[in-house]
Amino acid sequence: MRIIAGTLRSRVLQSPAGLATRPTSDRLRETLFNVLAPRIDHAVFLDLYAGSGAVGMEAVSRGASHVTFVERAPAALQRMRANLARLGLTEGFRIHTGSVKSFLSRPQAGAAVFDVVFLDPPYDAAEEYAIALELLGGAGGGLLAAGAVVIAEHRRKQRLQERYGGLERTRLLEQGDAGLSFYTGQTQEERPNLHS
């Protein structure tokens, strides 16, 4: 794996050994960031199920102002930290060592509001897509900035829902065996209060 473009272009990254972590391919990452190009500069980026951290580090290389990595697997965290050190990155990021569900369920006071959210759970953990997207479209929606985009990487043949709470799919890109579903939605403040 390598960083594709930006200030860290062509720098090599390592992925964890074994099959538990499946890194986003260079080609798919390039497609993703070509789509995100108009909104990545100075963006606050959330990399869920971050694995080796390659997607978030690509965001930093292309001008994101801050990246939060969320990962709980010890081997992936070790490799992520090694990759950050290899790139000489010491600031502009935060690592949350826990589950995505806990991160999205209990936003901390003063937590960042994200412009771009990328999630790439293990393909075989299909329930993780629904958990993360439903939280982002509901209780965790306060973590989304106005106009935020949420992107889920998934198997091409796996069909995600068109809507998760306040999130609605606006685009589906397919490449090889992978798909990228793009969602946008209303922030917590923009949603109508149905209980009044």
C-alpha atoms as a PDB file:
ATOM      1  CA  MET A   1       0.000   0.000   0.000  1.00  0.00           C
ATOM      2  CA  ARG A   2       1.091   3.559  -0.606  1.00  0.00           C
ATOM      3  CA  ILE A   3      -0.163   7.088  -0.196  1.00  0.00           C
ATOM      4  CA  ILE A   4      -1.500   8.044  -3.618  1.00  0.00           C
ATOM      5  CA  ALA A   5      -1.380  11.850  -3.687  1.00  0.00           C
ATOM      6  CA  GLY A   6      -0.668  14.965  -1.672  1.00  0.00           C
ATOM      7  CA  THR A   7       2.174  15.917   0.634  1.00  0.00           C
ATOM      8  CA  LEU A   8       2.944  12.290   1.542  1.00  0.00           C
ATOM      9  CA  ARG A   9       2.599  10.928  -2.004  1.00  0.00           C
ATOM     10  CA  SER A  10       4.232   7.555  -2.749  1.00  0.00           C
ATOM     11  CA  ARG A  11       5.091   6.860   0.889  1.00  0.00           C
ATOM     12  CA  VAL A  12       4.667   3.155   1.673  1.00  0.00           C
ATOM     13  CA  LEU A  13       2.273   1.867   4.347  1.00  0.00           C
ATOM     14  CA  GLN A  14       2.086  -1.552   5.971  1.00  0.00           C
ATOM     15  CA  SER A  15      -1.110  -3.473   6.648  1.00  0.00           C
ATOM     16  CA  PRO A  16      -1.607  -5.923   9.511  1.00  0.00           C
ATOM     17  CA  ALA A  17      -0.738  -9.536   8.755  1.00  0.00           C
ATOM     18  CA  GLY A  18      -3.549 -12.054   8.325  1.00  0.00           C
ATOM     19  CA  LEU A  19      -7.054 -11.787   6.981  1.00  0.00           C
ATOM     20  CA  ALA A  20      -8.739  -9.963   9.875  1.00  0.00           C
ATOM     21  CA  THR A  21      -8.003  -6.574   8.297  1.00  0.00           C
ATOM     22  CA  ARG A  22      -8.722  -5.968   4.603  1.00  0.00           C
ATOM     23  CA  PRO A  23      -7.098  -2.710   3.484  1.00  0.00           C
ATOM     24  CA  THR A  24      -8.854  -0.520   0.931  1.00  0.00           C
ATOM     25  CA  SER A  25      -7.000  -1.062  -2.338  1.00  0.00           C
ATOM     26  CA  ASP A  26      -4.902   1.766  -3.770  1.00  0.00           C
ATOM     27  CA  ARG A  27      -7.173   1.905  -6.810  1.00  0.00           C
ATOM     28  CA  LEU A  28     -10.382   2.168  -4.780  1.00  0.00           C
ATOM     29  CA  ARG A  29      -8.781   4.756  -2.468  1.00  0.00           C
ATOM     30  CA  GLU A  30      -7.844   6.807  -5.533  1.00  0.00           C
ATOM     31  CA  THR A  31     -11.453   6.645  -6.795  1.00  0.00           C
ATOM     32  CA  LEU A  32     -12.756   7.631  -3.360  1.00  0.00           C
ATOM     33  CA  PHE A  33     -10.492  10.654  -3.068  1.00  0.00           C
ATOM     34  CA  ASN A  34     -11.138  11.761  -6.640  1.00  0.00           C
ATOM     35  CA  VAL A  35     -14.808  12.055  -5.660  1.00  0.00           C
ATOM     36  CA  LEU A  36     -13.946  13.756  -2.349  1.00  0.00           C
ATOM     37  CA  ALA A  37     -11.408  16.179  -3.881  1.00  0.00           C
ATOM     38  CA  PRO A  38     -13.618  19.299  -3.708  1.00  0.00           C
ATOM     39  CA  ARG A  39     -14.316  18.805   0.010  1.00  0.00           C
ATOM     40  CA  ILE A  40     -11.155  17.260   1.501  1.00  0.00           C
ATOM     41  CA  ASP A  41      -9.000  20.387   1.973  1.00  0.00           C
ATOM     42  CA  HIS A  42      -9.295  21.491   5.641  1.00  0.00           C
ATOM     43  CA  ALA A  43     -11.925  18.797   6.284  1.00  0.00           C
ATOM     44  CA  VAL A  44     -12.371  17.115   9.655  1.00  0.00           C
ATOM     45  CA  PHE A  45     -12.278  13.416   8.750  1.00  0.00           C
ATOM     46  CA  LEU A  46     -13.518  10.355  10.661  1.00  0.00           C
ATOM     47  CA  ASP A  47     -12.037   6.963   9.723  1.00  0.00           C
ATOM     48  CA  LEU A  48     -14.194   4.219  11.299  1.00  0.00           C
ATOM     49  CA  TYR A  49     -12.882   0.633  11.428  1.00  0.00           C
ATOM     50  CA  ALA A  50      -9.609   2.294  10.475  1.00  0.00           C
ATOM     51  CA  GLY A  51      -7.406  -0.812  10.285  1.00  0.00           C
ATOM     52  CA  SER A  52      -3.937   0.266   9.139  1.00  0.00           C
ATOM     53  CA  GLY A  53      -5.145   3.881   8.895  1.00  0.00           C
ATOM     54  CA  ALA A  54      -4.446   4.142   5.166  1.00  0.00           C
ATOM     55  CA  VAL A  55      -7.662   6.026   4.305  1.00  0.00           C
ATOM     56  CA  GLY A  56      -7.271   8.577   7.092  1.00  0.00           C
ATOM     57  CA  MET A  57      -3.582   9.064   6.277  1.00  0.00           C
ATOM     58  CA  GLU A  58      -4.491   9.644   2.629  1.00  0.00           C
ATOM     59  CA  ALA A  59      -6.917  12.328   3.865  1.00  0.00           C
ATOM     60  CA  VAL A  60      -4.107  14.004   5.854  1.00  0.00           C
ATOM     61  CA  SER A  61      -1.821  13.878   2.815  1.00  0.00           C
ATOM     62  CA  ARG A  62      -4.498  15.595   0.725  1.00  0.00           C
ATOM     63  CA  GLY A  63      -5.095  18.439   3.168  1.00  0.00           C
ATOM     64  CA  ALA A  64      -7.599  17.299   5.820  1.00  0.00           C
ATOM     65  CA  SER A  65      -7.114  19.428   8.926  1.00  0.00           C
ATOM     66  CA  HIS A  66      -7.746  16.602  11.404  1.00  0.00           C
ATOM     67  CA  VAL A  67      -8.436  12.864  11.327  1.00  0.00           C
ATOM     68  CA  THR A  68      -9.940  10.690  14.043  1.00  0.00           C
ATOM     69  CA  PHE A  69      -9.165   6.988  13.684  1.00  0.00           C
ATOM     70  CA  VAL A  70     -11.482   4.487  15.404  1.00  0.00           C
ATOM     71  CA  GLU A  71     -10.147   0.934  15.724  1.00  0.00           C
ATOM     72  CA  ARG A  72     -10.204  -1.737  18.423  1.00  0.00           C
ATOM     73  CA  ALA A  73      -8.106  -4.634  17.034  1.00  0.00           C
ATOM     74  CA  PRO A  74      -4.685  -4.630  18.749  1.00  0.00           C
ATOM     75  CA  ALA A  75      -2.752  -5.785  15.651  1.00  0.00           C
ATOM     76  CA  ALA A  76      -4.358  -3.090  13.495  1.00  0.00           C
ATOM     77  CA  LEU A  77      -3.701  -0.401  16.129  1.00  0.00           C
ATOM     78  CA  GLN A  78      -0.059  -1.420  16.347  1.00  0.00           C
ATOM     79  CA  ARG A  79       0.337  -1.214  12.565  1.00  0.00           C
ATOM     80  CA  MET A  80      -1.553   2.104  12.414  1.00  0.00           C
ATOM     81  CA  ARG A  81       0.755   3.662  14.999  1.00  0.00           C
ATOM     82  CA  ALA A  82       3.790   2.311  13.115  1.00  0.00           C
ATOM     83  CA  ASN A  83       2.469   3.824   9.853  1.00  0.00           C
ATOM     84  CA  LEU A  84       1.895   7.215  11.505  1.00  0.00           C
ATOM     85  CA  ALA A  85       5.449   7.121  12.869  1.00  0.00           C
ATOM     86  CA  ARG A  86       6.823   6.034   9.487  1.00  0.00           C
ATOM     87  CA  LEU A  87       5.138   9.067   7.888  1.00  0.00           C
ATOM     88  CA  GLY A  88       6.423  11.376  10.632  1.00  0.00           C
ATOM     89  CA  LEU A  89       2.892  12.386  11.661  1.00  0.00           C
ATOM     90  CA  THR A  90       2.782  13.567  15.272  1.00  0.00           C
ATOM     91  CA  GLU A  91      -0.248  15.875  15.243  1.00  0.00           C
ATOM     92  CA  GLY A  92      -3.500  16.482  13.385  1.00  0.00           C
ATOM     93  CA  PHE A  93      -4.992  13.146  14.411  1.00  0.00           C
ATOM     94  CA  ARG A  94      -6.530  11.275  17.318  1.00  0.00           C
ATOM     95  CA  ILE A  95      -6.876   7.529  17.834  1.00  0.00           C
ATOM     96  CA  HIS A  96      -9.942   6.144  19.613  1.00  0.00           C
ATOM     97  CA  THR A  97      -9.168   2.620  20.797  1.00  0.00           C
ATOM     98  CA  GLY A  98     -12.588   1.087  21.123  1.00  0.00           C
ATOM     99  CA  SER A  99     -15.615   0.007  19.177  1.00  0.00           C
ATOM    100  CA  VAL A 100     -17.331   2.158  16.582  1.00  0.00           C
ATOM    101  CA  LYS A 101     -20.610   1.626  18.412  1.00  0.00           C
ATOM    102  CA  SER A 102     -19.214   3.069  21.662  1.00  0.00           C
ATOM    103  CA  PHE A 103     -17.633   6.009  19.820  1.00  0.00           C
ATOM    104  CA  LEU A 104     -20.848   6.917  17.985  1.00  0.00           C
ATOM    105  CA  SER A 105     -23.222   6.134  20.863  1.00  0.00           C
ATOM    106  CA  ARG A 106     -21.617   8.388  23.430  1.00  0.00           C
ATOM    107  CA  PRO A 107     -20.229  11.507  21.778  1.00  0.00           C
ATOM    108  CA  GLN A 108     -18.104  13.366  24.313  1.00  0.00           C
ATOM    109  CA  ALA A 109     -18.694  17.003  25.136  1.00  0.00           C
ATOM    110  CA  GLY A 110     -16.622  19.136  22.809  1.00  0.00           C
ATOM    111  CA  ALA A 111     -16.177  16.241  20.366  1.00  0.00           C
ATOM    112  CA  ALA A 112     -15.228  17.105  16.828  1.00  0.00           C
ATOM    113  CA  VAL A 113     -17.923  17.598  14.187  1.00  0.00           C
ATOM    114  CA  PHE A 114     -16.962  15.729  11.032  1.00  0.00           C
ATOM    115  CA  ASP A 115     -17.170  16.832   7.402  1.00  0.00           C
ATOM    116  CA  VAL A 116     -16.332  13.397   5.971  1.00  0.00           C
ATOM    117  CA  VAL A 117     -16.938   9.975   7.554  1.00  0.00           C
ATOM    118  CA  PHE A 118     -15.522   6.806   6.018  1.00  0.00           C
ATOM    119  CA  LEU A 119     -16.441   3.361   7.290  1.00  0.00           C
ATOM    120  CA  ASP A 120     -15.047   0.052   6.190  1.00  0.00           C
ATOM    121  CA  PRO A 121     -16.050  -2.755   8.570  1.00  0.00           C
ATOM    122  CA  PRO A 122     -14.903  -6.299   7.887  1.00  0.00           C
ATOM    123  CA  TYR A 123     -17.029  -7.480   4.960  1.00  0.00           C
ATOM    124  CA  ASP A 124     -18.210 -10.503   6.944  1.00  0.00           C
ATOM    125  CA  ALA A 125     -19.451  -8.308   9.817  1.00  0.00           C
ATOM    126  CA  ALA A 126     -22.553  -7.176   7.920  1.00  0.00           C
ATOM    127  CA  GLU A 127     -24.311  -6.046  11.103  1.00  0.00           C
ATOM    128  CA  GLU A 128     -21.607  -3.414  11.645  1.00  0.00           C
ATOM    129  CA  TYR A 129     -22.819  -1.467   8.596  1.00  0.00           C
ATOM    130  CA  ALA A 130     -26.318  -1.151  10.006  1.00  0.00           C
ATOM    131  CA  ILE A 131     -25.022  -0.286  13.494  1.00  0.00           C
ATOM    132  CA  ALA A 132     -22.736   2.506  12.282  1.00  0.00           C
ATOM    133  CA  LEU A 133     -25.049   3.946   9.627  1.00  0.00           C
ATOM    134  CA  GLU A 134     -28.124   3.880  11.875  1.00  0.00           C
ATOM    135  CA  LEU A 135     -26.188   5.664  14.628  1.00  0.00           C
ATOM    136  CA  LEU A 136     -24.853   8.265  12.172  1.00  0.00           C
ATOM    137  CA  GLY A 137     -28.372   8.741  10.817  1.00  0.00           C
ATOM    138  CA  GLY A 138     -29.818   8.984  14.315  1.00  0.00           C
ATOM    139  CA  ALA A 139     -28.318   9.444  17.785  1.00  0.00           C
ATOM    140  CA  GLY A 140     -24.765   9.987  16.496  1.00  0.00           C
ATOM    141  CA  GLY A 141     -25.871  12.480  13.860  1.00  0.00           C
ATOM    142  CA  GLY A 142     -24.700  15.338  16.091  1.00  0.00           C
ATOM    143  CA  LEU A 143     -21.175  14.366  15.044  1.00  0.00           C
ATOM    144  CA  LEU A 144     -21.928  15.375  11.439  1.00  0.00           C
ATOM    145  CA  ALA A 145     -21.284  18.884  10.159  1.00  0.00           C
ATOM    146  CA  ALA A 146     -23.835  20.530   7.888  1.00  0.00           C
ATOM    147  CA  GLY A 147     -23.362  19.050   4.422  1.00  0.00           C
ATOM    148  CA  ALA A 148     -21.284  16.126   5.712  1.00  0.00           C
ATOM    149  CA  VAL A 149     -20.827  13.028   3.575  1.00  0.00           C
ATOM    150  CA  VAL A 150     -20.698   9.464   4.923  1.00  0.00           C
ATOM    151  CA  ILE A 151     -19.087   6.802   2.738  1.00  0.00           C
ATOM    152  CA  ALA A 152     -19.345   3.047   3.328  1.00  0.00           C
ATOM    153  CA  GLU A 153     -17.043   0.605   1.555  1.00  0.00           C
ATOM    154  CA  HIS A 154     -18.702  -2.785   1.059  1.00  0.00           C
ATOM    155  CA  ARG A 155     -18.796  -5.836  -1.167  1.00  0.00           C
ATOM    156  CA  ARG A 156     -20.206  -5.004  -4.570  1.00  0.00           C
ATOM    157  CA  LYS A 157     -22.934  -7.638  -4.208  1.00  0.00           C
ATOM    158  CA  GLN A 158     -23.867  -6.487  -0.705  1.00  0.00           C
ATOM    159  CA  ARG A 159     -26.754  -4.061  -0.938  1.00  0.00           C
ATOM    160  CA  LEU A 160     -26.921  -1.443   1.768  1.00  0.00           C
ATOM    161  CA  GLN A 161     -30.183   0.356   2.442  1.00  0.00           C
ATOM    162  CA  GLU A 162     -31.056   3.565   0.637  1.00  0.00           C
ATOM    163  CA  ARG A 163     -31.788   5.289   3.947  1.00  0.00           C
ATOM    164  CA  TYR A 164     -30.601   5.008   7.553  1.00  0.00           C
ATOM    165  CA  GLY A 165     -32.533   7.462   9.725  1.00  0.00           C
ATOM    166  CA  GLY A 166     -31.571  10.930   8.507  1.00  0.00           C
ATOM    167  CA  LEU A 167     -28.974   9.598   6.046  1.00  0.00           C
ATOM    168  CA  GLU A 168     -29.920   9.014   2.413  1.00  0.00           C
ATOM    169  CA  ARG A 169     -27.749   7.357  -0.230  1.00  0.00           C
ATOM    170  CA  THR A 170     -26.923   9.807  -2.993  1.00  0.00           C
ATOM    171  CA  ARG A 171     -24.378   7.817  -4.987  1.00  0.00           C
ATOM    172  CA  LEU A 172     -23.133   4.255  -5.490  1.00  0.00           C
ATOM    173  CA  LEU A 173     -19.780   3.562  -7.133  1.00  0.00           C
ATOM    174  CA  GLU A 174     -18.675   0.037  -7.978  1.00  0.00           C
ATOM    175  CA  GLN A 175     -15.152  -1.067  -8.781  1.00  0.00           C
ATOM    176  CA  GLY A 176     -14.048  -4.680  -9.036  1.00  0.00           C
ATOM    177  CA  ASP A 177     -15.567  -6.585  -6.118  1.00  0.00           C
ATOM    178  CA  ALA A 178     -16.048  -3.442  -4.004  1.00  0.00           C
ATOM    179  CA  GLY A 179     -18.694  -0.764  -3.754  1.00  0.00           C
ATOM    180  CA  LEU A 180     -18.726   2.723  -2.232  1.00  0.00           C
ATOM    181  CA  SER A 181     -22.084   4.007  -0.984  1.00  0.00           C
ATOM    182  CA  PHE A 182     -22.226   7.773  -0.381  1.00  0.00           C
ATOM    183  CA  TYR A 183     -24.782   9.146   2.096  1.00  0.00           C
ATOM    184  CA  THR A 184     -25.743  12.658   3.051  1.00  0.00           C
ATOM    185  CA  GLY A 185     -28.302  13.842   5.520  1.00  0.00           C
ATOM    186  CA  GLN A 186     -29.510  16.414   7.929  1.00  0.00           C
ATOM    187  CA  THR A 187     -27.608  17.274  11.074  1.00  0.00           C
ATOM    188  CA  GLN A 188     -29.358  16.841  14.441  1.00  0.00           C
ATOM    189  CA  GLU A 189     -30.176  20.572  14.492  1.00  0.00           C
ATOM    190  CA  GLU A 190     -31.741  20.475  11.001  1.00  0.00           C
ATOM    191  CA  ARG A 191     -34.051  17.525  11.677  1.00  0.00           C
ATOM    192  CA  PRO A 192     -37.647  18.293  12.521  1.00  0.00           C
ATOM    193  CA  ASN A 193     -38.627  17.540  16.091  1.00  0.00           C
ATOM    194  CA  LEU A 194     -41.297  14.880  15.740  1.00  0.00           C
ATOM    195  CA  HIS A 195     -41.989  14.811  19.469  1.00  0.00           C
ATOM    196  CA  SER A 196     -43.278  18.362  19.906  1.00  0.00           C
END
